[in-house]
Protein backbone atom coordinates (compact mmCIF):
# COMPACT_ATOMS: atom_id res chain seq x y z
CA UNK A 1 0.00 0.00 0.00
CA UNK A 2 1.37 3.43 -1.00
CA UNK A 3 1.86 6.19 1.57
CA UNK A 4 0.11 9.50 0.97
CA UNK A 5 1.70 12.76 2.10
CA UNK A 6 -0.24 16.01 2.19
CA UNK A 7 1.68 19.31 2.16
CA UNK A 8 -0.13 22.56 2.97
CA UNK A 9 1.58 25.88 2.36
CA UNK A 10 0.05 29.04 3.80
CA UNK A 11 1.34 32.50 2.98
CA UNK A 12 0.37 35.96 4.13
CA UNK A 13 1.43 39.23 2.65
CA UNK A 14 1.13 42.87 3.53
CA UNK A 15 2.02 45.75 1.25
CA UNK A 16 2.69 49.15 2.76
CA UNK A 17 3.31 51.97 0.35
CA UNK A 18 4.92 55.11 1.64
CA UNK A 19 3.48 58.11 -0.05
CA UNK A 20 2.68 61.75 0.34
CA UNK A 21 -0.20 60.97 2.70
CA UNK A 22 2.10 59.77 5.51
CA UNK A 23 4.25 61.80 7.85
CA UNK A 24 6.71 61.11 10.64
CA UNK A 25 5.68 62.04 14.15
CA UNK A 26 6.28 60.97 17.75
CA UNK A 27 4.09 58.06 18.85
CA UNK A 28 3.86 58.15 22.66
CA UNK A 29 2.71 54.51 22.88
CA UNK A 30 5.61 53.25 20.73
CA UNK A 31 7.91 55.75 22.48
CA UNK A 32 9.50 56.42 19.10
CA UNK A 33 9.18 58.46 15.95
CA UNK A 34 6.88 56.58 13.57
CA UNK A 35 5.17 56.85 10.21
CA UNK A 36 1.71 58.31 10.72
CA UNK A 37 -1.28 58.65 8.43
CA UNK A 38 -4.23 60.99 8.86
CA UNK A 39 -7.42 59.27 9.99
CA UNK A 40 -9.26 60.57 6.93
CA UNK A 41 -6.68 58.78 4.73
CA UNK A 42 -6.91 55.42 6.51
CA UNK A 43 -8.99 54.03 3.63
CA UNK A 44 -5.88 54.40 1.47
CA UNK A 45 -4.13 51.66 3.46
CA UNK A 46 -7.09 49.53 4.40
CA UNK A 47 -9.67 47.53 2.53
CA UNK A 48 -11.80 47.28 5.67
CA UNK A 49 -15.38 48.39 5.53
CA UNK A 50 -16.39 51.28 7.78
CA UNK A 51 -17.85 49.10 10.57
CA UNK A 52 -14.71 46.91 10.78
CA UNK A 53 -12.53 50.03 10.87
CA UNK A 54 -14.62 51.39 13.75
CA UNK A 55 -14.02 48.14 15.67
CA UNK A 56 -10.28 48.61 15.12
CA UNK A 57 -10.43 52.23 16.28
CA UNK A 58 -12.47 51.38 19.38
CA UNK A 59 -10.11 48.52 20.32
CA UNK A 60 -7.43 51.08 21.31
CA UNK A 61 -4.85 48.87 19.59
CA UNK A 62 -4.28 51.55 16.98
CA UNK A 63 -2.03 54.27 18.33
CA UNK A 64 -3.27 57.75 17.55
CA UNK A 65 -2.41 61.33 18.31
CA UNK A 66 -4.26 64.59 17.81
CA UNK A 67 -2.38 67.34 15.97
CA UNK A 68 -2.44 71.03 16.85
CA UNK A 69 -4.75 71.52 13.85
CA UNK A 70 -7.23 69.05 15.34
CA UNK A 71 -6.76 66.13 12.94
CA UNK A 72 -6.06 62.59 14.14
CA UNK A 73 -2.93 60.69 13.04
CA UNK A 74 -2.71 56.88 13.19
CA UNK A 75 0.62 55.10 13.82
CA UNK A 76 1.36 52.74 10.93
CA UNK A 77 3.41 50.45 13.21
CA UNK A 78 0.29 49.84 15.29
CA UNK A 79 -1.70 49.15 12.11
CA UNK A 80 0.92 46.55 11.12
CA UNK A 81 0.79 44.98 14.60
CA UNK A 82 -3.02 44.83 14.41
CA UNK A 83 -2.89 43.18 10.97
CA UNK A 84 -0.40 40.58 12.20
CA UNK A 85 -2.56 39.81 15.25
CA UNK A 86 -6.18 40.07 14.09
CA UNK A 87 -7.69 38.85 17.37
CA UNK A 88 -8.75 41.83 19.52
CA UNK A 89 -7.22 41.98 22.97
PDB file of N, CA and C in Angstrom:
ATOM      1  N   UNK A   1       0.836  -1.174   0.000  1.00  0.00           N
ATOM      2  CA  UNK A   1       0.000   0.000   0.000  1.00  0.00           C
ATOM      3  C   UNK A   1       0.888   1.247   0.000  1.00  0.00           C
ATOM      4  N   UNK A   2       0.571   2.214  -0.857  1.00  0.00           N
ATOM      5  CA  UNK A   2       1.375   3.431  -1.001  1.00  0.00           C
ATOM      6  C   UNK A   2       1.037   4.422   0.102  1.00  0.00           C
ATOM      7  N   UNK A   3       2.063   5.131   0.570  1.00  0.00           N
ATOM      8  CA  UNK A   3       1.864   6.194   1.571  1.00  0.00           C
ATOM      9  C   UNK A   3       1.436   7.473   0.879  1.00  0.00           C
ATOM     10  N   UNK A   4       0.547   8.216   1.521  1.00  0.00           N
ATOM     11  CA  UNK A   4       0.108   9.498   0.973  1.00  0.00           C
ATOM     12  C   UNK A   4       0.591  10.604   1.904  1.00  0.00           C
ATOM     13  N   UNK A   5       1.221  11.615   1.338  1.00  0.00           N
ATOM     14  CA  UNK A   5       1.697  12.759   2.105  1.00  0.00           C
ATOM     15  C   UNK A   5       0.985  14.007   1.609  1.00  0.00           C
ATOM     16  N   UNK A   6       0.458  14.770   2.544  1.00  0.00           N
ATOM     17  CA  UNK A   6      -0.239  16.006   2.188  1.00  0.00           C
ATOM     18  C   UNK A   6       0.590  17.183   2.696  1.00  0.00           C
ATOM     19  N   UNK A   7       0.902  18.128   1.812  1.00  0.00           N
ATOM     20  CA  UNK A   7       1.678  19.311   2.156  1.00  0.00           C
ATOM     21  C   UNK A   7       0.789  20.533   1.971  1.00  0.00           C
ATOM     22  N   UNK A   8       0.675  21.339   3.028  1.00  0.00           N
ATOM     23  CA  UNK A   8      -0.125  22.557   2.972  1.00  0.00           C
ATOM     24  C   UNK A   8       0.816  23.737   3.169  1.00  0.00           C
ATOM     25  N   UNK A   9       0.751  24.679   2.258  1.00  0.00           N
ATOM     26  CA  UNK A   9       1.576  25.879   2.356  1.00  0.00           C
ATOM     27  C   UNK A   9       0.648  27.074   2.500  1.00  0.00           C
ATOM     28  N   UNK A  10       0.864  27.846   3.559  1.00  0.00           N
ATOM     29  CA  UNK A  10       0.051  29.044   3.799  1.00  0.00           C
ATOM     30  C   UNK A  10       0.966  30.249   3.763  1.00  0.00           C
ATOM     31  N   UNK A  11       0.556  31.270   3.041  1.00  0.00           N
ATOM     32  CA  UNK A  11       1.343  32.498   2.977  1.00  0.00           C
ATOM     33  C   UNK A  11       0.451  33.693   3.275  1.00  0.00           C
ATOM     34  N   UNK A  12       1.028  34.694   3.871  1.00  0.00           N
ATOM     35  CA  UNK A  12       0.368  35.958   4.131  1.00  0.00           C
ATOM     36  C   UNK A  12       1.253  37.055   3.578  1.00  0.00           C
ATOM     37  N   UNK A  13       0.631  38.109   3.132  1.00  0.00           N
ATOM     38  CA  UNK A  13       1.430  39.229   2.651  1.00  0.00           C
ATOM     39  C   UNK A  13       0.766  40.537   3.058  1.00  0.00           C
ATOM     40  N   UNK A  14       1.593  41.542   3.188  1.00  0.00           N
ATOM     41  CA  UNK A  14       1.126  42.874   3.526  1.00  0.00           C
ATOM     42  C   UNK A  14       1.972  43.855   2.735  1.00  0.00           C
ATOM     43  N   UNK A  15       1.328  44.751   2.042  1.00  0.00           N
ATOM     44  CA  UNK A  15       2.017  45.752   1.250  1.00  0.00           C
ATOM     45  C   UNK A  15       1.757  47.113   1.859  1.00  0.00           C
ATOM     46  N   UNK A  16       2.811  47.794   2.237  1.00  0.00           N
ATOM     47  CA  UNK A  16       2.687  49.152   2.757  1.00  0.00           C
ATOM     48  C   UNK A  16       3.434  50.073   1.807  1.00  0.00           C
ATOM     49  N   UNK A  17       2.711  50.987   1.245  1.00  0.00           N
ATOM     50  CA  UNK A  17       3.310  51.968   0.348  1.00  0.00           C
ATOM     51  C   UNK A  17       3.488  53.268   1.105  1.00  0.00           C
ATOM     52  N   UNK A  18       4.652  53.834   0.995  1.00  0.00           N
ATOM     53  CA  UNK A  18       4.920  55.111   1.643  1.00  0.00           C
ATOM     54  C   UNK A  18       4.693  56.197   0.615  1.00  0.00           C
ATOM     55  N   UNK A  19       3.804  57.078   0.919  1.00  0.00           N
ATOM     56  CA  UNK A  19       3.479  58.109  -0.049  1.00  0.00           C
ATOM     57  C   UNK A  19       3.374  59.470   0.599  1.00  0.00           C
ATOM     58  N   UNK A  20       2.800  60.381  -0.150  1.00  0.00           N
ATOM     59  CA  UNK A  20       2.677  61.745   0.339  1.00  0.00           C
ATOM     60  C   UNK A  20       1.686  61.866   1.488  1.00  0.00           C
ATOM     61  N   UNK A  21       0.827  60.862   1.664  1.00  0.00           N
ATOM     62  CA  UNK A  21      -0.196  60.971   2.697  1.00  0.00           C
ATOM     63  C   UNK A  21       0.320  60.593   4.084  1.00  0.00           C
ATOM     64  N   UNK A  22       1.561  60.110   4.200  1.00  0.00           N
ATOM     65  CA  UNK A  22       2.103  59.768   5.512  1.00  0.00           C
ATOM     66  C   UNK A  22       3.107  60.826   5.965  1.00  0.00           C
ATOM     67  N   UNK A  23       3.305  60.866   7.265  1.00  0.00           N
ATOM     68  CA  UNK A  23       4.252  61.805   7.851  1.00  0.00           C
ATOM     69  C   UNK A  23       4.926  61.131   9.034  1.00  0.00           C
ATOM     70  N   UNK A  24       6.044  61.649   9.460  1.00  0.00           N
ATOM     71  CA  UNK A  24       6.714  61.105  10.637  1.00  0.00           C
ATOM     72  C   UNK A  24       6.365  61.982  11.834  1.00  0.00           C
ATOM     73  N   UNK A  25       6.024  61.325  12.928  1.00  0.00           N
ATOM     74  CA  UNK A  25       5.677  62.044  14.152  1.00  0.00           C
ATOM     75  C   UNK A  25       5.978  61.141  15.346  1.00  0.00           C
ATOM     76  N   UNK A  26       6.008  61.719  16.525  1.00  0.00           N
ATOM     77  CA  UNK A  26       6.280  60.970  17.746  1.00  0.00           C
ATOM     78  C   UNK A  26       5.032  60.196  18.151  1.00  0.00           C
ATOM     79  N   UNK A  27       5.182  58.891  18.348  1.00  0.00           N
ATOM     80  CA  UNK A  27       4.091  58.056  18.854  1.00  0.00           C
ATOM     81  C   UNK A  27       4.384  57.780  20.327  1.00  0.00           C
ATOM     82  N   UNK A  28       3.582  58.337  21.238  1.00  0.00           N
ATOM     83  CA  UNK A  28       3.861  58.150  22.662  1.00  0.00           C
ATOM     84  C   UNK A  28       3.716  56.696  23.122  1.00  0.00           C
ATOM     85  N   UNK A  29       2.874  55.908  22.474  1.00  0.00           N
ATOM     86  CA  UNK A  29       2.714  54.513  22.878  1.00  0.00           C
ATOM     87  C   UNK A  29       3.858  53.636  22.388  1.00  0.00           C
ATOM     88  N   UNK A  30       4.416  53.955  21.223  1.00  0.00           N
ATOM     89  CA  UNK A  30       5.610  53.249  20.731  1.00  0.00           C
ATOM     90  C   UNK A  30       6.873  53.807  21.380  1.00  0.00           C
ATOM     91  N   UNK A  31       6.765  55.020  21.925  1.00  0.00           N
ATOM     92  CA  UNK A  31       7.909  55.745  22.483  1.00  0.00           C
ATOM     93  C   UNK A  31       9.005  55.911  21.433  1.00  0.00           C
ATOM     94  N   UNK A  32       8.562  56.248  20.214  1.00  0.00           N
ATOM     95  CA  UNK A  32       9.499  56.418  19.104  1.00  0.00           C
ATOM     96  C   UNK A  32       8.842  57.253  18.009  1.00  0.00           C
ATOM     97  N   UNK A  33       9.700  57.781  17.136  1.00  0.00           N
ATOM     98  CA  UNK A  33       9.184  58.461  15.953  1.00  0.00           C
ATOM     99  C   UNK A  33       8.670  57.390  14.997  1.00  0.00           C
ATOM    100  N   UNK A  34       7.494  57.599  14.419  1.00  0.00           N
ATOM    101  CA  UNK A  34       6.884  56.583  13.567  1.00  0.00           C
ATOM    102  C   UNK A  34       6.199  57.226  12.375  1.00  0.00           C
ATOM    103  N   UNK A  35       5.972  56.416  11.352  1.00  0.00           N
ATOM    104  CA  UNK A  35       5.171  56.853  10.212  1.00  0.00           C
ATOM    105  C   UNK A  35       3.731  56.980  10.687  1.00  0.00           C
ATOM    106  N   UNK A  36       3.097  58.068  10.347  1.00  0.00           N
ATOM    107  CA  UNK A  36       1.709  58.310  10.724  1.00  0.00           C
ATOM    108  C   UNK A  36       0.908  58.634   9.474  1.00  0.00           C
ATOM    109  N   UNK A  37      -0.372  58.315   9.525  1.00  0.00           N
ATOM    110  CA  UNK A  37      -1.280  58.653   8.430  1.00  0.00           C
ATOM    111  C   UNK A  37      -2.521  59.288   9.043  1.00  0.00           C
ATOM    112  N   UNK A  38      -3.045  60.296   8.365  1.00  0.00           N
ATOM    113  CA  UNK A  38      -4.231  60.987   8.864  1.00  0.00           C
ATOM    114  C   UNK A  38      -5.417  60.028   8.855  1.00  0.00           C
ATOM    115  N   UNK A  39      -6.257  60.138   9.859  1.00  0.00           N
ATOM    116  CA  UNK A  39      -7.425  59.272   9.990  1.00  0.00           C
ATOM    117  C   UNK A  39      -8.292  59.307   8.736  1.00  0.00           C
ATOM    118  N   UNK A  40      -8.433  60.470   8.140  1.00  0.00           N
ATOM    119  CA  UNK A  40      -9.263  60.568   6.935  1.00  0.00           C
ATOM    120  C   UNK A  40      -8.654  59.851   5.740  1.00  0.00           C
ATOM    121  N   UNK A  41      -7.353  59.509   5.812  1.00  0.00           N
ATOM    122  CA  UNK A  41      -6.680  58.784   4.730  1.00  0.00           C
ATOM    123  C   UNK A  41      -6.535  57.296   5.026  1.00  0.00           C
ATOM    124  N   UNK A  42      -7.100  56.817   6.118  1.00  0.00           N
ATOM    125  CA  UNK A  42      -6.907  55.424   6.510  1.00  0.00           C
ATOM    126  C   UNK A  42      -7.446  54.459   5.453  1.00  0.00           C
ATOM    127  N   UNK A  43      -8.452  54.874   4.698  1.00  0.00           N
ATOM    128  CA  UNK A  43      -8.987  54.032   3.632  1.00  0.00           C
ATOM    129  C   UNK A  43      -7.958  53.740   2.554  1.00  0.00           C
ATOM    130  N   UNK A  44      -6.951  54.584   2.448  1.00  0.00           N
ATOM    131  CA  UNK A  44      -5.883  54.397   1.470  1.00  0.00           C
ATOM    132  C   UNK A  44      -5.087  53.141   1.787  1.00  0.00           C
ATOM    133  N   UNK A  45      -4.943  52.811   3.077  1.00  0.00           N
ATOM    134  CA  UNK A  45      -4.127  51.660   3.459  1.00  0.00           C
ATOM    135  C   UNK A  45      -4.946  50.469   3.898  1.00  0.00           C
ATOM    136  N   UNK A  46      -6.250  50.596   3.888  1.00  0.00           N
ATOM    137  CA  UNK A  46      -7.085  49.527   4.404  1.00  0.00           C
ATOM    138  C   UNK A  46      -8.218  49.209   3.452  1.00  0.00           C
ATOM    139  N   UNK A  47      -8.510  47.926   3.316  1.00  0.00           N
ATOM    140  CA  UNK A  47      -9.668  47.532   2.527  1.00  0.00           C
ATOM    141  C   UNK A  47     -10.826  47.153   3.447  1.00  0.00           C
ATOM    142  N   UNK A  48     -10.750  47.567   4.711  1.00  0.00           N
ATOM    143  CA  UNK A  48     -11.802  47.278   5.670  1.00  0.00           C
ATOM    144  C   UNK A  48     -13.033  48.130   5.376  1.00  0.00           C
ATOM    145  N   UNK A  49     -14.196  47.566   5.639  1.00  0.00           N
ATOM    146  CA  UNK A  49     -15.385  48.394   5.534  1.00  0.00           C
ATOM    147  C   UNK A  49     -15.466  49.293   6.769  1.00  0.00           C
ATOM    148  N   UNK A  50     -16.336  50.266   6.727  1.00  0.00           N
ATOM    149  CA  UNK A  50     -16.390  51.280   7.781  1.00  0.00           C
ATOM    150  C   UNK A  50     -16.654  50.682   9.165  1.00  0.00           C
ATOM    151  N   UNK A  51     -17.536  49.686   9.263  1.00  0.00           N
ATOM    152  CA  UNK A  51     -17.848  49.096  10.570  1.00  0.00           C
ATOM    153  C   UNK A  51     -16.646  48.345  11.149  1.00  0.00           C
ATOM    154  N   UNK A  52     -15.909  47.625  10.308  1.00  0.00           N
ATOM    155  CA  UNK A  52     -14.714  46.914  10.778  1.00  0.00           C
ATOM    156  C   UNK A  52     -13.641  47.901  11.224  1.00  0.00           C
ATOM    157  N   UNK A  53     -13.500  49.000  10.498  1.00  0.00           N
ATOM    158  CA  UNK A  53     -12.531  50.029  10.872  1.00  0.00           C
ATOM    159  C   UNK A  53     -12.899  50.646  12.222  1.00  0.00           C
ATOM    160  N   UNK A  54     -14.182  50.855  12.459  1.00  0.00           N
ATOM    161  CA  UNK A  54     -14.622  51.395  13.745  1.00  0.00           C
ATOM    162  C   UNK A  54     -14.283  50.442  14.886  1.00  0.00           C
ATOM    163  N   UNK A  55     -14.401  49.136  14.651  1.00  0.00           N
ATOM    164  CA  UNK A  55     -14.020  48.144  15.669  1.00  0.00           C
ATOM    165  C   UNK A  55     -12.536  48.276  15.975  1.00  0.00           C
ATOM    166  N   UNK A  56     -11.721  48.420  14.925  1.00  0.00           N
ATOM    167  CA  UNK A  56     -10.279  48.605  15.119  1.00  0.00           C
ATOM    168  C   UNK A  56     -10.014  49.858  15.946  1.00  0.00           C
ATOM    169  N   UNK A  57     -10.667  50.958  15.590  1.00  0.00           N
ATOM    170  CA  UNK A  57     -10.427  52.230  16.279  1.00  0.00           C
ATOM    171  C   UNK A  57     -10.873  52.158  17.739  1.00  0.00           C
ATOM    172  N   UNK A  58     -11.967  51.485  18.015  1.00  0.00           N
ATOM    173  CA  UNK A  58     -12.467  51.380  19.379  1.00  0.00           C
ATOM    174  C   UNK A  58     -11.691  50.374  20.223  1.00  0.00           C
ATOM    175  N   UNK A  59     -10.882  49.526  19.589  1.00  0.00           N
ATOM    176  CA  UNK A  59     -10.114  48.521  20.325  1.00  0.00           C
ATOM    177  C   UNK A  59      -8.922  49.135  21.056  1.00  0.00           C
ATOM    178  N   UNK A  60      -8.581  50.361  20.748  1.00  0.00           N
ATOM    179  CA  UNK A  60      -7.434  51.076  21.312  1.00  0.00           C
ATOM    180  C   UNK A  60      -6.094  50.415  20.985  1.00  0.00           C
ATOM    181  N   UNK A  61      -6.105  49.479  20.038  1.00  0.00           N
ATOM    182  CA  UNK A  61      -4.852  48.868  19.592  1.00  0.00           C
ATOM    183  C   UNK A  61      -4.140  49.739  18.566  1.00  0.00           C
ATOM    184  N   UNK A  62      -4.889  50.621  17.922  1.00  0.00           N
ATOM    185  CA  UNK A  62      -4.277  51.546  16.982  1.00  0.00           C
ATOM    186  C   UNK A  62      -3.841  52.789  17.742  1.00  0.00           C
ATOM    187  N   UNK A  63      -2.560  53.093  17.657  1.00  0.00           N
ATOM    188  CA  UNK A  63      -2.025  54.273  18.330  1.00  0.00           C
ATOM    189  C   UNK A  63      -2.421  55.503  17.543  1.00  0.00           C
ATOM    190  N   UNK A  64      -2.858  56.519  18.231  1.00  0.00           N
ATOM    191  CA  UNK A  64      -3.267  57.749  17.549  1.00  0.00           C
ATOM    192  C   UNK A  64      -2.900  58.960  18.378  1.00  0.00           C
ATOM    193  N   UNK A  65      -2.684  60.049  17.658  1.00  0.00           N
ATOM    194  CA  UNK A  65      -2.406  61.326  18.312  1.00  0.00           C
ATOM    195  C   UNK A  65      -3.267  62.391  17.643  1.00  0.00           C
ATOM    196  N   UNK A  66      -3.505  63.460  18.360  1.00  0.00           N
ATOM    197  CA  UNK A  66      -4.260  64.593  17.808  1.00  0.00           C
ATOM    198  C   UNK A  66      -3.246  65.699  17.537  1.00  0.00           C
ATOM    199  N   UNK A  67      -3.300  66.263  16.334  1.00  0.00           N
ATOM    200  CA  UNK A  67      -2.384  67.338  15.968  1.00  0.00           C
ATOM    201  C   UNK A  67      -2.907  68.673  16.494  1.00  0.00           C
ATOM    202  N   UNK A  68      -2.050  69.692  16.437  1.00  0.00           N
ATOM    203  CA  UNK A  68      -2.440  71.033  16.848  1.00  0.00           C
ATOM    204  C   UNK A  68      -3.621  71.517  16.010  1.00  0.00           C
ATOM    205  N   UNK A  69      -3.665  71.126  14.743  1.00  0.00           N
ATOM    206  CA  UNK A  69      -4.752  71.521  13.854  1.00  0.00           C
ATOM    207  C   UNK A  69      -6.050  70.771  14.098  1.00  0.00           C
ATOM    208  N   UNK A  70      -6.017  69.773  14.991  1.00  0.00           N
ATOM    209  CA  UNK A  70      -7.229  69.046  15.340  1.00  0.00           C
ATOM    210  C   UNK A  70      -7.453  67.741  14.598  1.00  0.00           C
ATOM    211  N   UNK A  71      -6.584  67.398  13.632  1.00  0.00           N
ATOM    212  CA  UNK A  71      -6.765  66.129  12.936  1.00  0.00           C
ATOM    213  C   UNK A  71      -6.137  64.986  13.741  1.00  0.00           C
ATOM    214  N   UNK A  72      -6.557  63.770  13.444  1.00  0.00           N
ATOM    215  CA  UNK A  72      -6.055  62.587  14.138  1.00  0.00           C
ATOM    216  C   UNK A  72      -5.088  61.845  13.233  1.00  0.00           C
ATOM    217  N   UNK A  73      -3.919  61.476  13.774  1.00  0.00           N
ATOM    218  CA  UNK A  73      -2.929  60.688  13.042  1.00  0.00           C
ATOM    219  C   UNK A  73      -2.864  59.296  13.644  1.00  0.00           C
ATOM    220  N   UNK A  74      -2.784  58.275  12.782  1.00  0.00           N
ATOM    221  CA  UNK A  74      -2.712  56.879  13.189  1.00  0.00           C
ATOM    222  C   UNK A  74      -1.294  56.366  12.930  1.00  0.00           C
ATOM    223  N   UNK A  75      -0.724  55.682  13.916  1.00  0.00           N
ATOM    224  CA  UNK A  75       0.621  55.102  13.817  1.00  0.00           C
ATOM    225  C   UNK A  75       0.579  53.861  12.926  1.00  0.00           C
ATOM    226  N   UNK A  76       1.356  53.876  11.848  1.00  0.00           N
ATOM    227  CA  UNK A  76       1.365  52.739  10.925  1.00  0.00           C
ATOM    228  C   UNK A  76       1.960  51.487  11.552  1.00  0.00           C
ATOM    229  N   UNK A  77       2.860  51.624  12.527  1.00  0.00           N
ATOM    230  CA  UNK A  77       3.413  50.454  13.214  1.00  0.00           C
ATOM    231  C   UNK A  77       2.309  49.726  13.978  1.00  0.00           C
ATOM    232  N   UNK A  78       1.385  50.477  14.571  1.00  0.00           N
ATOM    233  CA  UNK A  78       0.288  49.839  15.292  1.00  0.00           C
ATOM    234  C   UNK A  78      -0.704  49.185  14.323  1.00  0.00           C
ATOM    235  N   UNK A  79      -0.849  49.771  13.129  1.00  0.00           N
ATOM    236  CA  UNK A  79      -1.700  49.147  12.107  1.00  0.00           C
ATOM    237  C   UNK A  79      -1.091  47.808  11.703  1.00  0.00           C
ATOM    238  N   UNK A  80       0.226  47.785  11.485  1.00  0.00           N
ATOM    239  CA  UNK A  80       0.923  46.550  11.123  1.00  0.00           C
ATOM    240  C   UNK A  80       0.773  45.502  12.224  1.00  0.00           C
ATOM    241  N   UNK A  81       0.941  45.917  13.481  1.00  0.00           N
ATOM    242  CA  UNK A  81       0.788  44.978  14.599  1.00  0.00           C
ATOM    243  C   UNK A  81      -0.629  44.427  14.652  1.00  0.00           C
ATOM    244  N   UNK A  82      -1.619  45.264  14.378  1.00  0.00           N
ATOM    245  CA  UNK A  82      -3.022  44.832  14.406  1.00  0.00           C
ATOM    246  C   UNK A  82      -3.314  43.854  13.269  1.00  0.00           C
ATOM    247  N   UNK A  83      -2.708  44.079  12.099  1.00  0.00           N
ATOM    248  CA  UNK A  83      -2.893  43.179  10.969  1.00  0.00           C
ATOM    249  C   UNK A  83      -2.264  41.825  11.256  1.00  0.00           C
ATOM    250  N   UNK A  84      -1.093  41.823  11.897  1.00  0.00           N
ATOM    251  CA  UNK A  84      -0.404  40.579  12.201  1.00  0.00           C
ATOM    252  C   UNK A  84      -1.077  39.793  13.317  1.00  0.00           C
ATOM    253  N   UNK A  85      -1.842  40.473  14.170  1.00  0.00           N
ATOM    254  CA  UNK A  85      -2.563  39.811  15.254  1.00  0.00           C
ATOM    255  C   UNK A  85      -4.025  40.241  15.184  1.00  0.00           C
ATOM    256  N   UNK A  86      -4.816  39.599  14.323  1.00  0.00           N
ATOM    257  CA  UNK A  86      -6.180  40.069  14.086  1.00  0.00           C
ATOM    258  C   UNK A  86      -7.153  39.864  15.243  1.00  0.00           C
ATOM    259  N   UNK A  87      -6.796  39.054  16.240  1.00  0.00           N
ATOM    260  CA  UNK A  87      -7.693  38.845  17.368  1.00  0.00           C
ATOM    261  C   UNK A  87      -7.629  40.036  18.300  1.00  0.00           C
ATOM    262  N   UNK A  88      -8.766  40.697  18.599  1.00  0.00           N
ATOM    263  CA  UNK A  88      -8.745  41.827  19.518  1.00  0.00           C
ATOM    264  C   UNK A  88      -8.341  41.388  20.917  1.00  0.00           C
ATOM    265  N   UNK A  89      -7.667  42.280  21.603  1.00  0.00           N
ATOM    266  CA  UNK A  89      -7.215  41.975  22.966  1.00  0.00           C
ATOM    267  C   UNK A  89      -8.347  42.148  23.952  1.00  0.00           C
TER     268      UNK A  89
END
